[in-house]
Amino acid sequence: MHHTKDKGDLAAAKVIADLVEKEYSIFVPVVTEHAPFDLIAYKDGKCYRIQAKYSANNCVSNRSTWADRNGNHQKKYQLNDFDFYGVYLPDLNKVVYPSIKFGGCRIRSTPPKSPNPFYWWEDFRDFTEAAPKRTYKEFGVDLTTRKMKSAEFRVLSAELKRPPTFAQRLRQERGGVSTFSSIKRFRPQGAGHLPSAKVLSTR
């Protein structure tokens, strides 16, 4: 059995077990394997079409993938393909149920180390149409230390200056005029090229 198929089967089994514990009746397609959903959950007169997903990186895949003799294939989901995902998070051994509208999003199970808002897994324990975005402050994450280290590094970098070169030191000593440029400009008016030196024979 293909490894991806194993994960898909595990996700479906986890979703079914979780929904049964929540007193849903579960129906699975029998005649076809090409339905855009994996199962139907029924409770209190309402049916919910569920697409089961295994997600090790907490991302909600927004496309279907499969392989056959012609290679690997992908197809992006449409909004009317199903109602909710059933996403199995193996790091937590939990299932979350975001609406199909959350396809392509990431649902975190650990607080991030950045100030960017994020979706939190506990807000999706039931069928969820909308959820708030959380911030690191709600989880007691302190980013101050990291910011201070970054600021200290910038200050230290600013204090590190290269020593002046030999030419720069001479220019400073002579009031901004370099010795080399002074020598180059010094030549008597009307003087042409200096005669080349001749080697005198001792014989």
N, C-alpha and C. Protein backbone atom coordinates (compact mmCIF):
# COMPACT_ATOMS: atom_id res chain seq x y z
N MET A 1 0.84 -1.20 0.00
CA MET A 1 0.00 0.00 0.00
C MET A 1 0.88 1.25 0.00
N HIS A 2 0.49 2.26 -0.77
CA HIS A 2 1.26 3.49 -0.86
C HIS A 2 1.27 4.20 0.49
N HIS A 3 2.43 4.80 0.83
CA HIS A 3 2.58 5.45 2.13
C HIS A 3 1.56 6.57 2.32
N THR A 4 1.32 7.36 1.27
CA THR A 4 0.33 8.43 1.35
C THR A 4 -1.06 7.87 1.61
N LYS A 5 -1.36 6.73 0.99
CA LYS A 5 -2.66 6.08 1.21
C LYS A 5 -2.79 5.62 2.65
N ASP A 6 -1.69 5.13 3.23
CA ASP A 6 -1.71 4.72 4.64
C ASP A 6 -2.10 5.90 5.54
N LYS A 7 -1.50 7.07 5.28
CA LYS A 7 -1.80 8.25 6.09
C LYS A 7 -3.25 8.68 5.91
N GLY A 8 -3.73 8.61 4.67
CA GLY A 8 -5.13 8.97 4.42
C GLY A 8 -6.09 8.05 5.15
N ASP A 9 -5.79 6.75 5.15
CA ASP A 9 -6.64 5.79 5.85
C ASP A 9 -6.60 6.04 7.36
N LEU A 10 -5.41 6.34 7.88
CA LEU A 10 -5.30 6.62 9.31
C LEU A 10 -6.10 7.87 9.67
N ALA A 11 -6.01 8.91 8.85
CA ALA A 11 -6.77 10.13 9.11
C ALA A 11 -8.26 9.85 9.10
N ALA A 12 -8.74 9.09 8.13
CA ALA A 12 -10.17 8.77 8.06
C ALA A 12 -10.61 7.99 9.29
N ALA A 13 -9.79 7.04 9.73
CA ALA A 13 -10.13 6.25 10.91
C ALA A 13 -10.19 7.12 12.16
N LYS A 14 -9.25 8.04 12.30
CA LYS A 14 -9.24 8.94 13.46
C LYS A 14 -10.45 9.87 13.45
N VAL A 15 -10.80 10.38 12.27
CA VAL A 15 -11.96 11.27 12.16
C VAL A 15 -13.24 10.52 12.52
N ILE A 16 -13.40 9.32 12.00
CA ILE A 16 -14.60 8.53 12.29
C ILE A 16 -14.70 8.25 13.78
N ALA A 17 -13.60 7.82 14.39
CA ALA A 17 -13.62 7.51 15.82
C ALA A 17 -13.96 8.75 16.65
N ASP A 18 -13.41 9.89 16.29
CA ASP A 18 -13.66 11.13 17.04
C ASP A 18 -15.12 11.56 16.91
N LEU A 19 -15.68 11.46 15.70
CA LEU A 19 -17.07 11.88 15.50
C LEU A 19 -18.05 10.92 16.16
N VAL A 20 -17.72 9.64 16.17
CA VAL A 20 -18.59 8.67 16.86
C VAL A 20 -18.62 8.98 18.35
N GLU A 21 -17.47 9.33 18.93
CA GLU A 21 -17.43 9.71 20.35
C GLU A 21 -18.28 10.96 20.61
N LYS A 22 -18.41 11.81 19.59
CA LYS A 22 -19.23 13.02 19.73
C LYS A 22 -20.69 12.77 19.31
N GLU A 23 -21.04 11.50 19.18
CA GLU A 23 -22.42 11.05 18.95
C GLU A 23 -22.95 11.41 17.56
N TYR A 24 -22.07 11.42 16.58
CA TYR A 24 -22.50 11.56 15.19
C TYR A 24 -22.68 10.18 14.58
N SER A 25 -23.63 10.06 13.67
CA SER A 25 -23.75 8.85 12.85
C SER A 25 -22.91 9.06 11.59
N ILE A 26 -22.17 8.04 11.20
CA ILE A 26 -21.23 8.17 10.09
C ILE A 26 -21.67 7.31 8.91
N PHE A 27 -21.63 7.92 7.73
CA PHE A 27 -21.95 7.22 6.48
C PHE A 27 -20.77 7.41 5.52
N VAL A 28 -20.38 6.31 4.87
CA VAL A 28 -19.27 6.38 3.92
C VAL A 28 -19.75 5.93 2.55
N PRO A 29 -19.21 6.50 1.47
CA PRO A 29 -19.60 6.09 0.12
C PRO A 29 -19.24 4.62 -0.12
N VAL A 30 -20.16 3.89 -0.73
CA VAL A 30 -19.95 2.47 -0.99
C VAL A 30 -19.78 2.20 -2.48
N VAL A 31 -20.59 2.84 -3.29
CA VAL A 31 -20.61 2.55 -4.72
C VAL A 31 -19.45 3.24 -5.44
N THR A 32 -19.06 4.44 -5.00
CA THR A 32 -18.03 5.20 -5.71
C THR A 32 -16.86 5.56 -4.81
N GLU A 33 -15.68 5.66 -5.41
CA GLU A 33 -14.49 6.13 -4.70
C GLU A 33 -14.07 7.52 -5.18
N HIS A 34 -14.87 8.11 -6.03
CA HIS A 34 -14.49 9.38 -6.66
C HIS A 34 -15.28 10.57 -6.12
N ALA A 35 -15.98 10.40 -5.02
CA ALA A 35 -16.69 11.53 -4.41
C ALA A 35 -15.67 12.50 -3.83
N PRO A 36 -15.96 13.79 -3.83
CA PRO A 36 -15.00 14.78 -3.30
C PRO A 36 -14.92 14.80 -1.78
N PHE A 37 -15.70 13.95 -1.11
CA PHE A 37 -15.64 13.86 0.35
C PHE A 37 -15.45 12.39 0.73
N ASP A 38 -14.97 12.16 1.96
CA ASP A 38 -14.68 10.81 2.42
C ASP A 38 -15.82 10.20 3.22
N LEU A 39 -16.61 11.03 3.88
CA LEU A 39 -17.69 10.50 4.72
C LEU A 39 -18.71 11.59 4.99
N ILE A 40 -19.85 11.18 5.52
CA ILE A 40 -20.91 12.11 5.92
C ILE A 40 -21.19 11.89 7.40
N ALA A 41 -21.19 12.98 8.15
CA ALA A 41 -21.53 12.93 9.58
C ALA A 41 -22.94 13.48 9.75
N TYR A 42 -23.78 12.75 10.52
CA TYR A 42 -25.18 13.14 10.70
C TYR A 42 -25.50 13.26 12.19
N LYS A 43 -26.15 14.38 12.54
CA LYS A 43 -26.57 14.58 13.93
C LYS A 43 -27.61 15.69 13.98
N ASP A 44 -28.65 15.47 14.77
CA ASP A 44 -29.71 16.48 14.98
C ASP A 44 -30.32 16.96 13.67
N GLY A 45 -30.51 16.04 12.74
CA GLY A 45 -31.16 16.37 11.48
C GLY A 45 -30.28 17.08 10.47
N LYS A 46 -28.99 17.17 10.74
CA LYS A 46 -28.07 17.86 9.82
C LYS A 46 -26.98 16.91 9.34
N CYS A 47 -26.63 17.05 8.06
CA CYS A 47 -25.57 16.25 7.45
C CYS A 47 -24.37 17.14 7.13
N TYR A 48 -23.18 16.61 7.36
CA TYR A 48 -21.95 17.35 7.09
C TYR A 48 -21.03 16.47 6.24
N ARG A 49 -20.67 16.97 5.09
CA ARG A 49 -19.73 16.25 4.21
C ARG A 49 -18.30 16.53 4.68
N ILE A 50 -17.55 15.48 4.93
CA ILE A 50 -16.22 15.61 5.54
C ILE A 50 -15.14 15.07 4.60
N GLN A 51 -14.09 15.84 4.47
CA GLN A 51 -12.88 15.40 3.76
C GLN A 51 -11.78 15.19 4.80
N ALA A 52 -11.35 13.94 4.97
CA ALA A 52 -10.33 13.61 5.98
C ALA A 52 -8.94 13.90 5.44
N LYS A 53 -8.10 14.48 6.29
CA LYS A 53 -6.73 14.82 5.90
C LYS A 53 -5.77 14.49 7.04
N TYR A 54 -4.60 14.01 6.66
CA TYR A 54 -3.48 13.81 7.58
C TYR A 54 -2.52 14.98 7.40
N SER A 55 -2.18 15.68 8.47
CA SER A 55 -1.31 16.86 8.33
C SER A 55 -0.23 16.86 9.41
N ALA A 56 0.98 16.52 9.00
CA ALA A 56 2.10 16.53 9.93
C ALA A 56 2.64 17.94 10.15
N ASN A 57 2.41 18.84 9.19
CA ASN A 57 2.91 20.22 9.31
C ASN A 57 1.81 21.22 9.68
N ASN A 58 0.62 20.71 10.02
CA ASN A 58 -0.51 21.54 10.47
C ASN A 58 -1.10 22.41 9.37
N CYS A 59 -0.74 22.16 8.12
CA CYS A 59 -1.33 22.90 7.01
C CYS A 59 -2.57 22.18 6.50
N VAL A 60 -3.58 22.94 6.14
CA VAL A 60 -4.83 22.38 5.62
C VAL A 60 -4.73 22.37 4.10
N SER A 61 -4.56 21.20 3.54
CA SER A 61 -4.37 21.09 2.09
C SER A 61 -5.65 21.50 1.36
N ASN A 62 -5.50 22.29 0.32
CA ASN A 62 -6.66 22.75 -0.45
C ASN A 62 -6.77 22.05 -1.80
N ARG A 63 -6.19 20.85 -1.89
CA ARG A 63 -6.26 20.12 -3.15
C ARG A 63 -6.22 18.61 -2.91
N SER A 64 -6.77 17.91 -3.84
CA SER A 64 -6.76 16.45 -3.81
C SER A 64 -5.57 15.94 -4.61
N THR A 65 -4.90 14.93 -4.11
CA THR A 65 -3.75 14.35 -4.82
C THR A 65 -3.94 12.85 -4.95
N TRP A 66 -3.53 12.32 -6.08
CA TRP A 66 -3.60 10.87 -6.28
C TRP A 66 -2.57 10.48 -7.33
N ALA A 67 -2.31 9.18 -7.37
CA ALA A 67 -1.34 8.65 -8.32
C ALA A 67 -1.94 7.46 -9.05
N ASP A 68 -1.61 7.35 -10.33
CA ASP A 68 -1.99 6.19 -11.12
C ASP A 68 -0.86 5.87 -12.10
N ARG A 69 -1.13 5.02 -13.06
CA ARG A 69 -0.08 4.62 -13.99
C ARG A 69 0.41 5.77 -14.87
N ASN A 70 -0.36 6.84 -14.91
CA ASN A 70 0.03 8.01 -15.69
C ASN A 70 0.81 9.05 -14.88
N GLY A 71 1.06 8.73 -13.60
CA GLY A 71 1.84 9.65 -12.77
C GLY A 71 1.04 10.22 -11.61
N ASN A 72 1.55 11.30 -11.04
CA ASN A 72 0.90 11.98 -9.91
C ASN A 72 0.00 13.10 -10.42
N HIS A 73 -1.12 13.30 -9.71
CA HIS A 73 -2.10 14.29 -10.14
C HIS A 73 -2.55 15.13 -8.94
N GLN A 74 -2.98 16.35 -9.22
CA GLN A 74 -3.53 17.24 -8.21
C GLN A 74 -4.74 17.96 -8.77
N LYS A 75 -5.70 18.21 -7.88
CA LYS A 75 -6.88 18.96 -8.28
C LYS A 75 -7.33 19.83 -7.11
N LYS A 76 -7.46 21.11 -7.35
CA LYS A 76 -7.85 22.03 -6.28
C LYS A 76 -9.33 21.87 -5.96
N TYR A 77 -9.64 21.91 -4.66
CA TYR A 77 -11.03 21.77 -4.22
C TYR A 77 -11.84 23.01 -4.58
N GLN A 78 -13.11 22.78 -4.86
CA GLN A 78 -14.08 23.86 -5.06
C GLN A 78 -14.92 24.00 -3.80
N LEU A 79 -15.48 25.18 -3.58
CA LEU A 79 -16.20 25.46 -2.33
C LEU A 79 -17.40 24.55 -2.09
N ASN A 80 -17.96 23.97 -3.15
CA ASN A 80 -19.13 23.11 -2.97
C ASN A 80 -18.77 21.62 -2.96
N ASP A 81 -17.47 21.29 -2.89
CA ASP A 81 -17.06 19.88 -2.89
C ASP A 81 -17.41 19.19 -1.58
N PHE A 82 -17.26 19.88 -0.45
CA PHE A 82 -17.61 19.32 0.85
C PHE A 82 -17.81 20.48 1.82
N ASP A 83 -18.16 20.16 3.06
CA ASP A 83 -18.47 21.20 4.05
C ASP A 83 -17.29 21.50 4.99
N PHE A 84 -16.69 20.44 5.53
CA PHE A 84 -15.63 20.61 6.51
C PHE A 84 -14.49 19.62 6.27
N TYR A 85 -13.33 20.05 6.65
CA TYR A 85 -12.20 19.13 6.74
C TYR A 85 -12.27 18.40 8.08
N GLY A 86 -11.75 17.20 8.09
CA GLY A 86 -11.42 16.50 9.33
C GLY A 86 -9.92 16.29 9.31
N VAL A 87 -9.16 17.18 9.94
CA VAL A 87 -7.70 17.16 9.84
C VAL A 87 -7.11 16.47 11.07
N TYR A 88 -6.42 15.38 10.82
CA TYR A 88 -5.76 14.66 11.92
C TYR A 88 -4.37 15.24 12.12
N LEU A 89 -4.08 15.68 13.37
CA LEU A 89 -2.78 16.25 13.73
C LEU A 89 -2.00 15.20 14.52
N PRO A 90 -1.06 14.51 13.88
CA PRO A 90 -0.38 13.40 14.56
C PRO A 90 0.44 13.82 15.77
N ASP A 91 0.97 15.05 15.79
CA ASP A 91 1.77 15.47 16.93
C ASP A 91 0.93 15.60 18.20
N LEU A 92 -0.38 15.85 18.03
CA LEU A 92 -1.29 15.95 19.17
C LEU A 92 -2.19 14.73 19.31
N ASN A 93 -2.28 13.93 18.25
CA ASN A 93 -3.25 12.84 18.18
C ASN A 93 -4.68 13.38 18.36
N LYS A 94 -4.95 14.50 17.69
CA LYS A 94 -6.25 15.16 17.75
C LYS A 94 -6.76 15.42 16.34
N VAL A 95 -8.08 15.64 16.24
CA VAL A 95 -8.72 15.97 14.97
C VAL A 95 -9.36 17.35 15.09
N VAL A 96 -9.17 18.18 14.08
CA VAL A 96 -9.81 19.50 14.03
C VAL A 96 -10.70 19.57 12.80
N TYR A 97 -11.70 20.48 12.83
CA TYR A 97 -12.73 20.51 11.79
C TYR A 97 -12.92 21.92 11.22
N PRO A 98 -11.95 22.43 10.48
CA PRO A 98 -12.14 23.73 9.83
C PRO A 98 -13.05 23.63 8.62
N SER A 99 -13.76 24.70 8.32
CA SER A 99 -14.58 24.77 7.11
C SER A 99 -13.69 24.67 5.88
N ILE A 100 -14.29 24.30 4.75
CA ILE A 100 -13.54 24.23 3.50
C ILE A 100 -12.92 25.58 3.16
N LYS A 101 -13.47 26.66 3.70
CA LYS A 101 -12.93 28.00 3.45
C LYS A 101 -11.53 28.18 4.02
N PHE A 102 -11.12 27.30 4.94
CA PHE A 102 -9.79 27.39 5.54
C PHE A 102 -8.74 26.63 4.74
N GLY A 103 -9.10 26.14 3.58
CA GLY A 103 -8.14 25.42 2.75
C GLY A 103 -6.92 26.28 2.43
N GLY A 104 -5.73 25.74 2.63
CA GLY A 104 -4.50 26.48 2.40
C GLY A 104 -3.97 27.18 3.64
N CYS A 105 -4.74 27.19 4.73
CA CYS A 105 -4.31 27.84 5.97
C CYS A 105 -3.49 26.88 6.83
N ARG A 106 -2.85 27.44 7.82
CA ARG A 106 -2.11 26.64 8.79
C ARG A 106 -2.75 26.82 10.16
N ILE A 107 -2.99 25.70 10.83
CA ILE A 107 -3.57 25.71 12.17
C ILE A 107 -2.49 25.24 13.13
N ARG A 108 -2.00 26.13 13.94
CA ARG A 108 -0.84 25.83 14.78
C ARG A 108 -1.23 25.04 16.02
N SER A 109 -0.30 24.18 16.44
CA SER A 109 -0.46 23.44 17.69
C SER A 109 0.60 23.86 18.71
N THR A 110 1.51 24.74 18.30
CA THR A 110 2.50 25.34 19.21
C THR A 110 2.57 26.84 18.92
N PRO A 111 2.74 27.67 19.94
CA PRO A 111 2.84 29.12 19.69
C PRO A 111 4.06 29.45 18.84
N PRO A 112 3.94 30.41 17.93
CA PRO A 112 5.08 30.76 17.07
C PRO A 112 6.07 31.65 17.81
N LYS A 113 7.24 31.83 17.21
CA LYS A 113 8.26 32.73 17.76
C LYS A 113 8.30 34.02 16.95
N SER A 114 7.13 34.49 16.57
CA SER A 114 7.03 35.73 15.80
C SER A 114 5.74 36.43 16.19
N PRO A 115 5.61 37.72 15.91
CA PRO A 115 4.39 38.46 16.28
C PRO A 115 3.23 38.26 15.32
N ASN A 116 3.38 37.44 14.29
CA ASN A 116 2.31 37.27 13.31
C ASN A 116 1.11 36.54 13.91
N PRO A 117 -0.12 37.01 13.69
CA PRO A 117 -1.32 36.32 14.19
C PRO A 117 -1.44 34.93 13.55
N PHE A 118 -2.14 34.02 14.24
CA PHE A 118 -2.22 32.64 13.77
C PHE A 118 -3.52 31.99 14.24
N TYR A 119 -3.90 30.91 13.57
CA TYR A 119 -5.03 30.09 13.99
C TYR A 119 -4.54 29.04 14.97
N TRP A 120 -5.37 28.80 16.02
CA TRP A 120 -5.00 27.86 17.08
C TRP A 120 -5.90 26.63 17.01
N TRP A 121 -5.32 25.46 17.19
CA TRP A 121 -6.03 24.20 16.95
C TRP A 121 -7.25 24.01 17.86
N GLU A 122 -7.20 24.51 19.09
CA GLU A 122 -8.33 24.30 20.01
C GLU A 122 -9.59 25.05 19.58
N ASP A 123 -9.45 26.01 18.69
CA ASP A 123 -10.61 26.75 18.19
C ASP A 123 -11.34 25.98 17.08
N PHE A 124 -10.85 24.78 16.74
CA PHE A 124 -11.44 24.00 15.65
C PHE A 124 -11.84 22.59 16.10
N ARG A 125 -12.08 22.41 17.38
CA ARG A 125 -12.39 21.07 17.87
C ARG A 125 -13.76 20.59 17.42
N ASP A 126 -14.65 21.51 17.06
CA ASP A 126 -15.95 21.17 16.48
C ASP A 126 -16.02 21.78 15.08
N PHE A 127 -17.09 21.48 14.36
CA PHE A 127 -17.25 22.04 13.02
C PHE A 127 -17.21 23.57 13.11
N THR A 128 -16.25 24.18 12.42
CA THR A 128 -15.96 25.60 12.61
C THR A 128 -16.04 26.36 11.29
N GLU A 129 -16.94 27.33 11.24
CA GLU A 129 -17.08 28.18 10.05
C GLU A 129 -16.15 29.39 10.12
N ALA A 130 -15.92 29.91 11.33
CA ALA A 130 -15.07 31.09 11.51
C ALA A 130 -14.32 30.95 12.82
N ALA A 131 -13.10 31.47 12.85
CA ALA A 131 -12.28 31.39 14.06
C ALA A 131 -11.42 32.65 14.16
N PRO A 132 -11.15 33.10 15.39
CA PRO A 132 -10.30 34.28 15.56
C PRO A 132 -8.83 33.93 15.35
N LYS A 133 -8.06 34.92 15.02
CA LYS A 133 -6.62 34.73 14.96
C LYS A 133 -6.02 35.12 16.31
N ARG A 134 -5.15 34.26 16.82
CA ARG A 134 -4.53 34.49 18.11
C ARG A 134 -3.20 35.24 17.94
N THR A 135 -2.66 35.71 19.09
CA THR A 135 -1.34 36.34 19.09
C THR A 135 -0.47 35.67 20.15
N TYR A 136 0.83 35.84 20.02
CA TYR A 136 1.77 35.19 20.94
C TYR A 136 1.57 35.63 22.38
N LYS A 137 1.04 36.86 22.59
CA LYS A 137 0.87 37.37 23.95
C LYS A 137 -0.14 36.55 24.74
N GLU A 138 -1.13 35.97 24.05
CA GLU A 138 -2.13 35.16 24.73
C GLU A 138 -1.54 33.89 25.33
N PHE A 139 -0.35 33.50 24.89
CA PHE A 139 0.26 32.26 25.34
C PHE A 139 1.51 32.51 26.19
N GLY A 140 1.71 33.76 26.59
CA GLY A 140 2.83 34.09 27.46
C GLY A 140 4.19 34.00 26.80
N VAL A 141 4.23 34.07 25.48
CA VAL A 141 5.51 34.02 24.76
C VAL A 141 6.17 35.39 24.86
N ASP A 142 7.44 35.41 25.26
CA ASP A 142 8.18 36.66 25.41
C ASP A 142 9.17 36.81 24.26
N LEU A 143 8.91 37.78 23.40
CA LEU A 143 9.82 38.05 22.29
C LEU A 143 10.79 39.18 22.61
N THR A 144 10.70 39.77 23.83
CA THR A 144 11.53 40.93 24.19
C THR A 144 13.00 40.58 24.19
N THR A 145 13.35 39.42 24.74
CA THR A 145 14.76 39.03 24.84
C THR A 145 15.40 38.97 23.47
N ARG A 146 14.68 38.36 22.52
CA ARG A 146 15.23 38.24 21.18
C ARG A 146 15.39 39.60 20.51
N LYS A 147 14.44 40.51 20.76
CA LYS A 147 14.53 41.85 20.18
C LYS A 147 15.72 42.62 20.77
N MET A 148 15.94 42.46 22.11
CA MET A 148 17.04 43.16 22.74
C MET A 148 18.38 42.67 22.20
N LYS A 149 18.50 41.37 21.99
CA LYS A 149 19.74 40.84 21.45
C LYS A 149 20.00 41.39 20.06
N SER A 150 18.94 41.51 19.28
CA SER A 150 19.09 42.05 17.93
C SER A 150 19.54 43.51 17.98
N ALA A 151 18.95 44.29 18.91
CA ALA A 151 19.33 45.70 19.04
C ALA A 151 20.77 45.84 19.51
N GLU A 152 21.18 44.98 20.47
CA GLU A 152 22.55 45.03 20.95
C GLU A 152 23.53 44.72 19.82
N PHE A 153 23.17 43.79 18.98
CA PHE A 153 24.04 43.43 17.85
C PHE A 153 24.20 44.61 16.90
N ARG A 154 23.08 45.33 16.66
CA ARG A 154 23.16 46.48 15.75
C ARG A 154 24.05 47.57 16.34
N VAL A 155 23.95 47.82 17.67
CA VAL A 155 24.78 48.83 18.32
C VAL A 155 26.25 48.43 18.24
N LEU A 156 26.52 47.15 18.53
CA LEU A 156 27.90 46.67 18.49
C LEU A 156 28.47 46.80 17.09
N SER A 157 27.67 46.50 16.08
CA SER A 157 28.13 46.61 14.70
C SER A 157 28.44 48.06 14.35
N ALA A 158 27.62 48.98 14.88
CA ALA A 158 27.84 50.40 14.58
C ALA A 158 29.13 50.91 15.23
N GLU A 159 29.48 50.33 16.41
CA GLU A 159 30.67 50.78 17.10
C GLU A 159 31.95 50.25 16.47
N LEU A 160 31.87 49.16 15.76
CA LEU A 160 33.04 48.58 15.12
C LEU A 160 33.35 49.35 13.84
N LYS A 161 34.41 50.14 13.86
CA LYS A 161 34.81 50.93 12.70
C LYS A 161 36.20 50.51 12.25
N ARG A 162 36.42 50.54 10.96
CA ARG A 162 37.72 50.19 10.43
C ARG A 162 38.72 51.31 10.72
N PRO A 163 39.97 50.96 11.07
CA PRO A 163 40.99 52.01 11.28
C PRO A 163 41.31 52.70 9.97
N PRO A 164 41.71 53.98 10.01
CA PRO A 164 42.01 54.71 8.77
C PRO A 164 43.23 54.12 8.07
N THR A 165 43.24 54.21 6.76
CA THR A 165 44.37 53.73 5.98
C THR A 165 45.54 54.71 6.09
N PHE A 166 46.71 54.31 5.57
CA PHE A 166 47.89 55.18 5.61
C PHE A 166 47.64 56.48 4.87
N ALA A 167 47.01 56.40 3.68
CA ALA A 167 46.73 57.60 2.89
C ALA A 167 45.75 58.52 3.62
N GLN A 168 44.76 57.92 4.31
CA GLN A 168 43.79 58.74 5.04
C GLN A 168 44.46 59.45 6.21
N ARG A 169 45.39 58.79 6.88
CA ARG A 169 46.09 59.44 8.01
C ARG A 169 46.94 60.62 7.51
N LEU A 170 47.64 60.43 6.37
CA LEU A 170 48.44 61.52 5.82
C LEU A 170 47.56 62.70 5.43
N ARG A 171 46.41 62.39 4.84
CA ARG A 171 45.51 63.47 4.42
C ARG A 171 45.03 64.26 5.63
N GLN A 172 44.72 63.55 6.73
CA GLN A 172 44.27 64.24 7.94
C GLN A 172 45.38 65.11 8.53
N GLU A 173 46.63 64.60 8.51
CA GLU A 173 47.74 65.35 9.08
C GLU A 173 48.05 66.62 8.27
N ARG A 174 47.79 66.63 6.95
CA ARG A 174 48.13 67.76 6.09
C ARG A 174 46.89 68.59 5.73
N GLY A 175 45.90 68.52 6.60
CA GLY A 175 44.73 69.38 6.41
C GLY A 175 43.86 68.98 5.24
N GLY A 176 43.74 67.70 4.97
CA GLY A 176 42.85 67.24 3.93
C GLY A 176 43.49 67.09 2.58
N VAL A 177 44.78 67.46 2.40
CA VAL A 177 45.48 67.32 1.12
C VAL A 177 46.45 66.17 1.23
N SER A 178 46.31 65.20 0.38
CA SER A 178 47.16 64.03 0.50
C SER A 178 48.55 64.34 -0.03
N THR A 179 49.58 63.70 0.54
CA THR A 179 50.96 63.90 0.11
C THR A 179 51.15 63.51 -1.34
N PHE A 180 50.47 62.43 -1.74
CA PHE A 180 50.65 61.92 -3.09
C PHE A 180 50.12 62.91 -4.12
N SER A 181 48.96 63.52 -3.84
CA SER A 181 48.41 64.48 -4.79
C SER A 181 49.27 65.74 -4.84
N SER A 182 49.92 66.14 -3.69
CA SER A 182 50.78 67.33 -3.67
C SER A 182 52.00 67.11 -4.53
N ILE A 183 52.59 65.94 -4.42
CA ILE A 183 53.78 65.63 -5.21
C ILE A 183 53.44 65.61 -6.68
N LYS A 184 52.31 65.08 -7.02
CA LYS A 184 51.92 64.97 -8.42
C LYS A 184 51.73 66.34 -9.04
N ARG A 185 51.16 67.29 -8.26
CA ARG A 185 50.88 68.62 -8.81
C ARG A 185 52.14 69.51 -8.87
N PHE A 186 53.18 69.17 -8.06
CA PHE A 186 54.37 70.03 -8.03
C PHE A 186 55.25 69.77 -9.24
N ARG A 187 55.35 70.78 -10.15
CA ARG A 187 56.22 70.71 -11.32
C ARG A 187 56.46 72.14 -11.80
N PRO A 188 57.71 72.54 -12.04
CA PRO A 188 57.98 73.92 -12.49
C PRO A 188 57.26 74.21 -13.79
N GLN A 189 56.76 75.45 -13.91
CA GLN A 189 56.07 75.82 -15.13
C GLN A 189 57.02 75.78 -16.32
N GLY A 190 56.54 75.32 -17.45
CA GLY A 190 57.34 75.23 -18.66
C GLY A 190 58.24 74.03 -18.70
N ALA A 191 58.25 73.26 -17.63
CA ALA A 191 59.11 72.09 -17.61
C ALA A 191 58.48 70.99 -18.43
N GLY A 192 59.24 70.40 -19.27
CA GLY A 192 58.74 69.27 -20.05
C GLY A 192 59.05 67.98 -19.33
N HIS A 193 59.19 66.96 -20.13
CA HIS A 193 59.54 65.68 -19.52
C HIS A 193 60.99 65.70 -19.07
N LEU A 194 61.26 65.16 -17.95
CA LEU A 194 62.62 65.11 -17.44
C LEU A 194 63.45 64.18 -18.31
N PRO A 195 64.69 64.53 -18.58
CA PRO A 195 65.53 63.64 -19.39
C PRO A 195 65.78 62.34 -18.68
N SER A 196 65.86 61.32 -19.48
CA SER A 196 66.11 60.02 -18.89
C SER A 196 67.56 59.93 -18.45
N ALA A 197 67.78 59.17 -17.42
CA ALA A 197 69.14 59.04 -16.89
C ALA A 197 70.00 58.19 -17.81
N LYS A 198 71.28 58.59 -17.96
CA LYS A 198 72.21 57.82 -18.78
C LYS A 198 73.18 57.08 -17.88
N VAL A 199 73.52 55.90 -18.33
CA VAL A 199 74.47 55.11 -17.56
C VAL A 199 75.87 55.46 -18.03
N LEU A 200 76.69 55.93 -17.13
CA LEU A 200 78.07 56.31 -17.46
C LEU A 200 78.97 55.09 -17.42
N SER A 201 79.75 54.98 -18.43
CA SER A 201 80.67 53.85 -18.48
C SER A 201 81.91 54.19 -17.68
N THR A 202 82.44 53.24 -16.99
CA THR A 202 83.66 53.43 -16.21
C THR A 202 84.90 53.14 -17.02
N ARG A 203 84.69 52.68 -18.29
CA ARG A 203 85.84 52.37 -19.11
C ARG A 203 86.32 53.59 -19.84
